[in-house]
Each structure stands twice: as C-alpha cells, then as structure tokens.
Amino acid sequence: MIDSFYSGRFGNQAEQFLGTLQFAKSIDRTLILPPFIEYVDYKVTFQPFENIFEIDHINEYHRVMTMNDFLKKLSPLIWKHENRSITCYDSRHFSTNNNNKKEGCNPFEGSPFKEFWHHLGVQEFPLGSLYYKPLHTDYNYANDWRQKFRNVTVLALVGKFFCFFA
C-alpha cells in the first residue's frame, strides 16, 4: 500500500492522482484514495475523495479504496500504529529549535503535511523513515519497487498524499 499526499490546488492534486494510479497499477498494489486538500480562508480543509469522483469507475482500471474505508476496516489489521513507517525520496531537512538539522522524511513539517496526517489521526511513524532514492515513482522502476519494498505492507509516501498496500 502506498499512502501519499497531494500538494497544490485541485489541478495539481488531480494530476498527482492520475500518476499515482498508474504507478499503483504498475507495482500491483491497491491505491488508497486520500481526501482532497482544499484551502478555505487560508486554512487547510479536506474533501473526501468519493465526494469528487466515482470510485466504482476508477476500480474498473485498478484496485482502489477510500482512505476512510482503509482506516476503519484494514488499518487496525495491517497498518497498526507500531508498524508504521513513512517513505520519501531522501531526507527532508528541517531545523529544530537549536538549529540542528532534523534527518528523516519529517512528515509533520510544513503545510499541508502536518494537517493531513493529523486529520487522519496519525500522530507518528514509530518505524521511522524509508527512502526510495535512487528510484522514481515511474512505471519503469516498478520491478525495483516491488523488490525493494516487498516486505513493507503499507507504503505511506510523504509527498504525494496516497497510500498503497500489498
């Protein structure tokens, strides 16, 4: 499974969804559809994916599941709190209060990242960060992804706002 976030306004999010859907199919993992991020009066809000697109039509192309269904039905079984990790290309560096660089994917740094995870009820990733560098989220790397992450049931991506599970 891959979990990822959207960034930008609707057009950017829709484009990321289409690319991620193709990627999920190429690595043969179910795509978890997160809510769309909206900016209302400079505040981050969330619109359920199924309020915008018909899920049944997307399922005709590849296996998908809404984030709400995943969190209620499967997360307690396959993505327990203690088994959660976050995936990114490389370390996203942020300064701490003492100006030391904080290594890792840092999924709670910046907007809308922190708001997204907290909206889903995710407060931490106890297993830490996984890096997919030098791979890219392109179908040409599908075999490499399947090999590298074969033992990771849920791939939560920090920068695309989607989830995939095996």
C-alpha atoms as a PDB file:
ATOM      1  CA  MET A   1       0.000   0.000   0.000  1.00  0.00           C
ATOM      2  CA  ILE A   2       1.163   3.483  -0.600  1.00  0.00           C
ATOM      3  CA  ASP A   3      -0.035   6.485   1.255  1.00  0.00           C
ATOM      4  CA  SER A   4       0.751   9.789  -0.152  1.00  0.00           C
ATOM      5  CA  PHE A   5      -0.220  13.426  -0.004  1.00  0.00           C
ATOM      6  CA  TYR A   6      -1.398  15.912  -2.529  1.00  0.00           C
ATOM      7  CA  SER A   7       0.107  19.316  -2.793  1.00  0.00           C
ATOM      8  CA  GLY A   8      -1.201  22.334  -4.579  1.00  0.00           C
ATOM      9  CA  ARG A   9      -4.655  23.186  -5.738  1.00  0.00           C
ATOM     10  CA  PHE A  10      -7.163  20.844  -7.382  1.00  0.00           C
ATOM     11  CA  GLY A  11      -5.433  20.626 -10.790  1.00  0.00           C
ATOM     12  CA  ASN A  12      -2.119  19.596  -9.235  1.00  0.00           C
ATOM     13  CA  GLN A  13      -3.845  17.100  -6.951  1.00  0.00           C
ATOM     14  CA  ALA A  14      -5.791  15.564  -9.848  1.00  0.00           C
ATOM     15  CA  GLU A  15      -2.583  15.243 -11.867  1.00  0.00           C
ATOM     16  CA  GLN A  16      -0.811  13.576  -8.927  1.00  0.00           C
ATOM     17  CA  PHE A  17      -3.766  11.210  -8.525  1.00  0.00           C
ATOM     18  CA  LEU A  18      -3.582  10.093 -12.171  1.00  0.00           C
ATOM     19  CA  GLY A  19       0.176   9.498 -11.979  1.00  0.00           C
ATOM     20  CA  THR A  20      -0.141   7.650  -8.695  1.00  0.00           C
ATOM     21  CA  LEU A  21      -2.980   5.492 -10.017  1.00  0.00           C
ATOM     22  CA  GLN A  22      -0.800   4.427 -12.947  1.00  0.00           C
ATOM     23  CA  PHE A  23       2.105   3.801 -10.570  1.00  0.00           C
ATOM     24  CA  ALA A  24      -0.055   1.713  -8.198  1.00  0.00           C
ATOM     25  CA  LYS A  25      -1.126  -0.447 -11.124  1.00  0.00           C
ATOM     26  CA  SER A  26       2.469  -0.886 -12.297  1.00  0.00           C
ATOM     27  CA  ILE A  27       3.651  -2.074  -8.858  1.00  0.00           C
ATOM     28  CA  ASP A  28       0.443  -4.088  -8.369  1.00  0.00           C
ATOM     29  CA  ARG A  29      -0.636  -2.523  -5.098  1.00  0.00           C
ATOM     30  CA  THR A  30      -4.030  -1.236  -4.033  1.00  0.00           C
ATOM     31  CA  LEU A  31      -4.222   2.542  -4.052  1.00  0.00           C
ATOM     32  CA  ILE A  32      -5.715   4.227  -1.012  1.00  0.00           C
ATOM     33  CA  LEU A  33      -7.521   7.391  -2.062  1.00  0.00           C
ATOM     34  CA  PRO A  34      -6.975  10.231   0.414  1.00  0.00           C
ATOM     35  CA  PRO A  35      -9.166  13.275   0.792  1.00  0.00           C
ATOM     36  CA  PHE A  36      -8.528  16.228  -1.478  1.00  0.00           C
ATOM     37  CA  ILE A  37      -6.992  19.209   0.228  1.00  0.00           C
ATOM     38  CA  GLU A  38      -8.840  22.494  -0.035  1.00  0.00           C
ATOM     39  CA  TYR A  39      -7.761  25.905   1.127  1.00  0.00           C
ATOM     40  CA  VAL A  40     -10.647  27.870   2.638  1.00  0.00           C
ATOM     41  CA  ASP A  41      -9.824  31.306   4.012  1.00  0.00           C
ATOM     42  CA  TYR A  42      -6.148  30.287   4.173  1.00  0.00           C
ATOM     43  CA  LYS A  43      -6.967  27.206   6.239  1.00  0.00           C
ATOM     44  CA  VAL A  44      -6.418  23.613   5.147  1.00  0.00           C
ATOM     45  CA  THR A  45      -9.634  21.608   4.900  1.00  0.00           C
ATOM     46  CA  PHE A  46     -10.371  18.175   3.458  1.00  0.00           C
ATOM     47  CA  GLN A  47     -12.910  16.885   0.948  1.00  0.00           C
ATOM     48  CA  PRO A  48     -13.421  13.100   0.812  1.00  0.00           C
ATOM     49  CA  PHE A  49     -12.213  11.665  -2.491  1.00  0.00           C
ATOM     50  CA  GLU A  50     -15.559   9.932  -3.059  1.00  0.00           C
ATOM     51  CA  ASN A  51     -17.347  13.305  -2.936  1.00  0.00           C
ATOM     52  CA  ILE A  52     -15.470  14.317  -6.091  1.00  0.00           C
ATOM     53  CA  PHE A  53     -15.001  11.100  -8.120  1.00  0.00           C
ATOM     54  CA  GLU A  54     -16.989   7.886  -8.505  1.00  0.00           C
ATOM     55  CA  ILE A  55     -14.831   5.139  -7.026  1.00  0.00           C
ATOM     56  CA  ASP A  56     -16.513   2.307  -8.967  1.00  0.00           C
ATOM     57  CA  HIS A  57     -15.294   3.717 -12.279  1.00  0.00           C
ATOM     58  CA  ILE A  58     -11.725   4.004 -11.002  1.00  0.00           C
ATOM     59  CA  ASN A  59     -11.895   0.392  -9.730  1.00  0.00           C
ATOM     60  CA  GLU A  60     -12.536  -0.717 -13.323  1.00  0.00           C
ATOM     61  CA  TYR A  61      -8.956   0.371 -14.106  1.00  0.00           C
ATOM     62  CA  HIS A  62      -7.212  -0.731 -10.895  1.00  0.00           C
ATOM     63  CA  ARG A  63      -7.887  -1.638  -7.249  1.00  0.00           C
ATOM     64  CA  VAL A  64      -8.603   1.402  -5.093  1.00  0.00           C
ATOM     65  CA  MET A  65     -10.088   2.030  -1.684  1.00  0.00           C
ATOM     66  CA  THR A  66     -11.056   5.259   0.049  1.00  0.00           C
ATOM     67  CA  MET A  67      -8.917   6.418   2.930  1.00  0.00           C
ATOM     68  CA  ASN A  68     -11.929   6.305   5.261  1.00  0.00           C
ATOM     69  CA  ASP A  69     -12.616   2.653   4.392  1.00  0.00           C
ATOM     70  CA  PHE A  70      -8.950   1.763   4.790  1.00  0.00           C
ATOM     71  CA  LEU A  71      -8.638   3.442   8.193  1.00  0.00           C
ATOM     72  CA  LYS A  72     -11.827   1.838   9.520  1.00  0.00           C
ATOM     73  CA  LYS A  73     -11.556  -1.655   8.035  1.00  0.00           C
ATOM     74  CA  LEU A  74      -7.926  -2.528   7.254  1.00  0.00           C
ATOM     75  CA  SER A  75      -5.641  -0.204   9.159  1.00  0.00           C
ATOM     76  CA  PRO A  76      -6.234  -1.948  12.514  1.00  0.00           C
ATOM     77  CA  LEU A  77      -5.191  -5.220  10.873  1.00  0.00           C
ATOM     78  CA  ILE A  78      -2.342  -4.324   8.505  1.00  0.00           C
ATOM     79  CA  TRP A  79      -1.169  -0.813   9.487  1.00  0.00           C
ATOM     80  CA  LYS A  80      -1.058  -0.905  13.253  1.00  0.00           C
ATOM     81  CA  HIS A  81       0.449   2.080  14.989  1.00  0.00           C
ATOM     82  CA  GLU A  82       3.679   0.304  15.947  1.00  0.00           C
ATOM     83  CA  ASN A  83       4.252  -0.896  12.346  1.00  0.00           C
ATOM     84  CA  ARG A  84       4.023   2.473  10.611  1.00  0.00           C
ATOM     85  CA  SER A  85       6.835   3.959   8.583  1.00  0.00           C
ATOM     86  CA  ILE A  86       6.917   6.933   6.221  1.00  0.00           C
ATOM     87  CA  THR A  87       8.539   6.857   2.782  1.00  0.00           C
ATOM     88  CA  CYS A  88      10.254   9.636   0.855  1.00  0.00           C
ATOM     89  CA  TYR A  89      12.897  10.028  -1.823  1.00  0.00           C
ATOM     90  CA  ASP A  90      15.530  11.482   0.508  1.00  0.00           C
ATOM     91  CA  SER A  91      15.685  13.202   3.882  1.00  0.00           C
ATOM     92  CA  ARG A  92      13.610  16.384   4.101  1.00  0.00           C
ATOM     93  CA  HIS A  93      15.747  18.648   6.289  1.00  0.00           C
ATOM     94  CA  PHE A  94      14.121  20.950   8.791  1.00  0.00           C
ATOM     95  CA  SER A  95      15.778  22.934  11.553  1.00  0.00           C
ATOM     96  CA  THR A  96      14.924  22.207  15.146  1.00  0.00           C
ATOM     97  CA  ASN A  97      14.819  24.889  17.819  1.00  0.00           C
ATOM     98  CA  ASN A  98      18.567  24.561  18.393  1.00  0.00           C
ATOM     99  CA  ASN A  99      19.267  24.917  14.628  1.00  0.00           C
ATOM    100  CA  ASN A 100      20.274  21.265  14.227  1.00  0.00           C
ATOM    101  CA  LYS A 101      19.026  19.663  11.028  1.00  0.00           C
ATOM    102  CA  LYS A 102      16.400  17.024  11.728  1.00  0.00           C
ATOM    103  CA  GLU A 103      17.024  13.985   9.487  1.00  0.00           C
ATOM    104  CA  GLY A 104      14.224  11.857   8.037  1.00  0.00           C
ATOM    105  CA  CYS A 105      11.091  12.275   5.953  1.00  0.00           C
ATOM    106  CA  ASN A 106       9.680  14.705   8.536  1.00  0.00           C
ATOM    107  CA  PRO A 107       6.044  14.128   7.519  1.00  0.00           C
ATOM    108  CA  PHE A 108       4.700  16.590  10.065  1.00  0.00           C
ATOM    109  CA  GLU A 109       6.777  19.524   8.857  1.00  0.00           C
ATOM    110  CA  GLY A 110       5.157  22.127   6.668  1.00  0.00           C
ATOM    111  CA  SER A 111       1.670  22.661   5.361  1.00  0.00           C
ATOM    112  CA  PRO A 112      -0.387  20.717   4.367  1.00  0.00           C
ATOM    113  CA  PHE A 113       1.643  17.707   5.590  1.00  0.00           C
ATOM    114  CA  LYS A 114       1.041  18.091   9.325  1.00  0.00           C
ATOM    115  CA  GLU A 115      -2.635  18.920   8.843  1.00  0.00           C
ATOM    116  CA  PHE A 116      -3.115  15.931   6.527  1.00  0.00           C
ATOM    117  CA  TRP A 117      -1.674  13.304   8.865  1.00  0.00           C
ATOM    118  CA  HIS A 118      -3.366  14.758  11.930  1.00  0.00           C
ATOM    119  CA  HIS A 119      -6.693  14.829  10.044  1.00  0.00           C
ATOM    120  CA  LEU A 120      -6.242  11.074   9.510  1.00  0.00           C
ATOM    121  CA  GLY A 121      -5.388  10.532  13.179  1.00  0.00           C
ATOM    122  CA  VAL A 122      -1.740   9.694  12.501  1.00  0.00           C
ATOM    123  CA  GLN A 123       0.499  11.313  15.115  1.00  0.00           C
ATOM    124  CA  GLU A 124       3.767   9.449  14.499  1.00  0.00           C
ATOM    125  CA  PHE A 125       5.578   6.816  12.454  1.00  0.00           C
ATOM    126  CA  PRO A 126       7.325   4.631  15.054  1.00  0.00           C
ATOM    127  CA  LEU A 127       9.402   2.710  12.482  1.00  0.00           C
ATOM    128  CA  GLY A 128      10.774   5.974  11.097  1.00  0.00           C
ATOM    129  CA  SER A 129      11.701   6.844   7.532  1.00  0.00           C
ATOM    130  CA  LEU A 130      12.240   4.662   4.479  1.00  0.00           C
ATOM    131  CA  TYR A 131      13.990   6.104   1.434  1.00  0.00           C
ATOM    132  CA  TYR A 132      13.364   5.099  -2.148  1.00  0.00           C
ATOM    133  CA  LYS A 133      16.292   7.027  -3.636  1.00  0.00           C
ATOM    134  CA  PRO A 134      17.511   6.434  -6.398  1.00  0.00           C
ATOM    135  CA  LEU A 135      14.156   5.000  -7.579  1.00  0.00           C
ATOM    136  CA  HIS A 136      11.421   7.185  -9.015  1.00  0.00           C
ATOM    137  CA  THR A 137       7.649   6.786  -8.956  1.00  0.00           C
ATOM    138  CA  ASP A 138       7.620   5.830 -12.611  1.00  0.00           C
ATOM    139  CA  TYR A 139       6.398   2.556 -14.106  1.00  0.00           C
ATOM    140  CA  ASN A 140       9.911   1.939 -15.486  1.00  0.00           C
ATOM    141  CA  TYR A 141      11.019   1.316 -11.870  1.00  0.00           C
ATOM    142  CA  ALA A 142       8.100  -0.983 -10.965  1.00  0.00           C
ATOM    143  CA  ASN A 143      10.185  -4.157 -10.591  1.00  0.00           C
ATOM    144  CA  ASP A 144      12.729  -2.339  -8.419  1.00  0.00           C
ATOM    145  CA  TRP A 145       9.933  -1.013  -6.170  1.00  0.00           C
ATOM    146  CA  ARG A 146       8.352  -4.446  -5.846  1.00  0.00           C
ATOM    147  CA  GLN A 147      11.730  -5.913  -4.863  1.00  0.00           C
ATOM    148  CA  LYS A 148      12.887  -3.150  -2.504  1.00  0.00           C
ATOM    149  CA  PHE A 149       9.574  -2.847  -0.620  1.00  0.00           C
ATOM    150  CA  ARG A 150       8.354  -6.453  -0.829  1.00  0.00           C
ATOM    151  CA  ASN A 151       8.260  -6.717   2.986  1.00  0.00           C
ATOM    152  CA  VAL A 152       6.528  -3.369   3.555  1.00  0.00           C
ATOM    153  CA  THR A 153       2.775  -3.939   3.662  1.00  0.00           C
ATOM    154  CA  VAL A 154       1.828  -0.254   3.598  1.00  0.00           C
ATOM    155  CA  LEU A 155       3.854   2.362   1.762  1.00  0.00           C
ATOM    156  CA  ALA A 156       2.971   5.793   3.092  1.00  0.00           C
ATOM    157  CA  LEU A 157       4.530   8.445   0.859  1.00  0.00           C
ATOM    158  CA  VAL A 158       5.176  11.826   2.400  1.00  0.00           C
ATOM    159  CA  GLY A 159       4.936  13.880  -0.769  1.00  0.00           C
ATOM    160  CA  LYS A 160       2.033  12.536  -2.786  1.00  0.00           C
ATOM    161  CA  PHE A 161      -0.711  12.004  -0.246  1.00  0.00           C
ATOM    162  CA  PHE A 162      -1.630   8.485  -1.303  1.00  0.00           C
ATOM    163  CA  CYS A 163      -1.316   5.077   0.305  1.00  0.00           C
ATOM    164  CA  PHE A 164      -0.629   1.717  -1.274  1.00  0.00           C
ATOM    165  CA  PHE A 165      -0.870  -1.676   0.306  1.00  0.00           C
ATOM    166  CA  ALA A 166       0.124  -5.087  -0.974  1.00  0.00           C
END
